[in-house]
Amino acid sequence: MDKKLDTAIEYYSIKQKEILELVNGSSTLSVEDIIRYGEEMSVIENKMIALEVAKEN
């Protein structure tokens, strides 16, 4: 079970990094894009927190 949790955490870490690089590397994002990416980051962070808690238990 830990292997699956580690894989999921790694996946979401990669997704988080991709979004950060996209947002930080672009100077042409609209306000709507920034909000959408912020919402996606929030969802990813919540999933990562839940996975970390599950891993500890």
C-alpha atoms as a PDB file:
ATOM      1  CA  MET A   1       0.000   0.000   0.000  1.00  0.00           C
ATOM      2  CA  ASP A   2       2.865   2.386   0.778  1.00  0.00           C
ATOM      3  CA  LYS A   3       4.202   1.951  -2.755  1.00  0.00           C
ATOM      4  CA  LYS A   4       0.885   3.120  -4.224  1.00  0.00           C
ATOM      5  CA  LEU A   5       0.796   6.113  -1.902  1.00  0.00           C
ATOM      6  CA  ASP A   6       4.382   7.020  -2.792  1.00  0.00           C
ATOM      7  CA  THR A   7       3.556   6.754  -6.495  1.00  0.00           C
ATOM      8  CA  ALA A   8       0.499   8.994  -6.104  1.00  0.00           C
ATOM      9  CA  ILE A   9       2.467  11.551  -4.087  1.00  0.00           C
ATOM     10  CA  GLU A  10       5.192  11.569  -6.723  1.00  0.00           C
ATOM     11  CA  TYR A  11       2.609  12.038  -9.495  1.00  0.00           C
ATOM     12  CA  TYR A  12       0.995  15.013  -7.780  1.00  0.00           C
ATOM     13  CA  SER A  13       4.397  16.518  -6.991  1.00  0.00           C
ATOM     14  CA  ILE A  14       5.242  16.424 -10.692  1.00  0.00           C
ATOM     15  CA  LYS A  15       1.887  17.991 -11.594  1.00  0.00           C
ATOM     16  CA  GLN A  16       2.437  20.698  -8.989  1.00  0.00           C
ATOM     17  CA  LYS A  17       5.893  21.471 -10.382  1.00  0.00           C
ATOM     18  CA  GLU A  18       4.534  21.606 -13.959  1.00  0.00           C
ATOM     19  CA  ILE A  19       1.892  24.147 -12.984  1.00  0.00           C
ATOM     20  CA  LEU A  20       4.382  26.293 -11.073  1.00  0.00           C
ATOM     21  CA  GLU A  21       6.803  26.295 -13.998  1.00  0.00           C
ATOM     22  CA  LEU A  22       4.009  27.154 -16.424  1.00  0.00           C
ATOM     23  CA  VAL A  23       2.730  30.051 -14.325  1.00  0.00           C
ATOM     24  CA  ASN A  24       6.158  31.401 -13.405  1.00  0.00           C
ATOM     25  CA  GLY A  25       7.476  31.024 -16.947  1.00  0.00           C
ATOM     26  CA  SER A  26       4.665  32.848 -18.710  1.00  0.00           C
ATOM     27  CA  SER A  27       4.109  36.564 -18.880  1.00  0.00           C
ATOM     28  CA  THR A  28       0.974  36.328 -21.005  1.00  0.00           C
ATOM     29  CA  LEU A  29      -1.429  34.535 -18.657  1.00  0.00           C
ATOM     30  CA  SER A  30      -4.822  36.099 -18.216  1.00  0.00           C
ATOM     31  CA  VAL A  31      -6.398  36.612 -14.824  1.00  0.00           C
ATOM     32  CA  GLU A  32      -8.728  33.708 -15.541  1.00  0.00           C
ATOM     33  CA  ASP A  33      -5.760  31.450 -16.301  1.00  0.00           C
ATOM     34  CA  ILE A  34      -4.022  32.398 -13.066  1.00  0.00           C
ATOM     35  CA  ILE A  35      -7.193  31.732 -11.074  1.00  0.00           C
ATOM     36  CA  ARG A  36      -7.723  28.374 -12.808  1.00  0.00           C
ATOM     37  CA  TYR A  37      -4.145  27.295 -12.137  1.00  0.00           C
ATOM     38  CA  GLY A  38      -4.496  28.442  -8.526  1.00  0.00           C
ATOM     39  CA  GLU A  39      -7.591  26.303  -8.139  1.00  0.00           C
ATOM     40  CA  GLU A  40      -5.789  23.322  -9.669  1.00  0.00           C
ATOM     41  CA  MET A  41      -2.887  23.822  -7.256  1.00  0.00           C
ATOM     42  CA  SER A  42      -5.295  23.933  -4.338  1.00  0.00           C
ATOM     43  CA  VAL A  43      -6.856  20.610  -5.367  1.00  0.00           C
ATOM     44  CA  ILE A  44      -3.432  19.024  -5.833  1.00  0.00           C
ATOM     45  CA  GLU A  45      -2.212  20.263  -2.446  1.00  0.00           C
ATOM     46  CA  ASN A  46      -5.329  18.897  -0.725  1.00  0.00           C
ATOM     47  CA  LYS A  47      -4.814  15.515  -2.375  1.00  0.00           C
ATOM     48  CA  MET A  48      -1.157  15.478  -1.353  1.00  0.00           C
ATOM     49  CA  ILE A  49      -2.052  16.290   2.248  1.00  0.00           C
ATOM     50  CA  ALA A  50      -4.622  13.480   2.293  1.00  0.00           C
ATOM     51  CA  LEU A  51      -2.069  11.048   0.842  1.00  0.00           C
ATOM     52  CA  GLU A  52       0.545  12.054   3.417  1.00  0.00           C
ATOM     53  CA  VAL A  53      -1.959  11.530   6.242  1.00  0.00           C
ATOM     54  CA  ALA A  54      -2.940   8.145   4.813  1.00  0.00           C
ATOM     55  CA  LYS A  55       0.734   7.194   4.575  1.00  0.00           C
ATOM     56  CA  GLU A  56       1.334   8.069   8.236  1.00  0.00           C
ATOM     57  CA  ASN A  57      -1.580   5.922   9.385  1.00  0.00           C
END
